[in-house]
Protein backbone atom coordinates (compact mmCIF):
# COMPACT_ATOMS: atom_id res chain seq x y z
CA UNK A 1 -22.72 44.25 -4.81
CA UNK A 2 -23.17 43.12 -8.28
CA UNK A 3 -26.65 44.61 -7.85
CA UNK A 4 -25.11 48.66 -6.53
CA UNK A 5 -22.65 47.96 -10.21
CA UNK A 6 -25.20 47.20 -11.68
CA UNK A 7 -27.56 50.18 -10.04
CA UNK A 8 -24.25 52.22 -11.54
CA UNK A 9 -24.86 51.40 -14.33
CA UNK A 10 -28.23 51.60 -15.61
CA UNK A 11 -27.27 54.82 -18.15
CA UNK A 12 -24.06 54.07 -19.11
CA UNK A 13 -25.17 50.68 -20.83
CA UNK A 14 -27.07 52.39 -23.81
CA UNK A 15 -23.73 54.16 -25.06
CA UNK A 16 -21.22 52.59 -26.78
CA UNK A 17 -18.55 50.08 -25.66
CA UNK A 18 -16.19 52.85 -25.58
CA UNK A 19 -17.53 55.37 -23.88
CA UNK A 20 -19.46 53.09 -21.18
CA UNK A 21 -16.05 50.76 -20.51
CA UNK A 22 -14.80 54.63 -19.81
CA UNK A 23 -17.47 55.52 -17.42
CA UNK A 24 -16.77 52.66 -15.98
CA UNK A 25 -12.77 53.32 -15.09
CA UNK A 26 -14.11 56.60 -13.94
CA UNK A 27 -16.69 54.95 -11.75
CA UNK A 28 -13.88 52.83 -10.60
CA UNK A 29 -11.05 55.25 -10.01
CA UNK A 30 -13.33 57.88 -8.29
CA UNK A 31 -14.22 55.32 -5.78
CA UNK A 32 -10.58 54.02 -5.03
CA UNK A 33 -9.93 57.61 -4.52
CA UNK A 34 -12.70 58.33 -1.79
CA UNK A 35 -11.91 55.09 -0.46
CA UNK A 36 -7.67 55.97 -0.67
CA UNK A 37 -8.89 59.25 1.60
CA UNK A 38 -10.68 57.13 4.07
CA UNK A 39 -8.41 54.78 5.01
CA UNK A 40 -5.82 57.68 5.21
CA UNK A 41 -7.78 59.39 7.52
CA UNK A 42 -8.27 56.13 9.61
CA UNK A 43 -6.64 56.28 13.17
CA UNK A 44 -6.15 53.04 14.81
CA UNK A 45 -4.87 49.38 14.38
CA UNK A 46 -8.21 47.37 13.67
CA UNK A 47 -11.46 48.46 11.43
CA UNK A 48 -14.60 49.96 13.36
CA UNK A 49 -16.41 47.03 11.63
CA UNK A 50 -14.18 44.31 12.89
CA UNK A 51 -14.10 45.74 17.17
CA UNK A 52 -17.87 46.03 16.89
CA UNK A 53 -18.23 42.90 15.59
CA UNK A 54 -15.66 41.55 18.65
CA UNK A 55 -17.57 44.03 21.06
CA UNK A 56 -20.67 41.36 20.40
CA UNK A 57 -18.98 38.30 20.25
CA UNK A 58 -17.68 38.66 23.63
CA UNK A 59 -20.08 40.00 25.64
CA UNK A 60 -21.56 36.70 24.60
CA UNK A 61 -18.74 34.76 26.34
CA UNK A 62 -20.20 35.94 29.39
CA UNK A 63 -22.48 32.82 29.86
CA UNK A 64 -20.25 30.61 28.10
CA UNK A 65 -19.67 27.39 30.88
CA UNK A 66 -15.54 25.82 31.21
CA UNK A 67 -15.22 22.23 31.15
């Protein structure tokens, strides 16, 4: 996550501190707005990534031996 954030700020690092902080603020606000719109469009009680993980782990339970 840090590497992605640093990659986004490559061009911003050369600016004066106030301009740099403003660019960081704008980037974070845009990211939050995008995430908010994605969450609003989500229809379900559990995130799809969690459901995929549960399906994967539940398929492994067929090899379990009850004791």
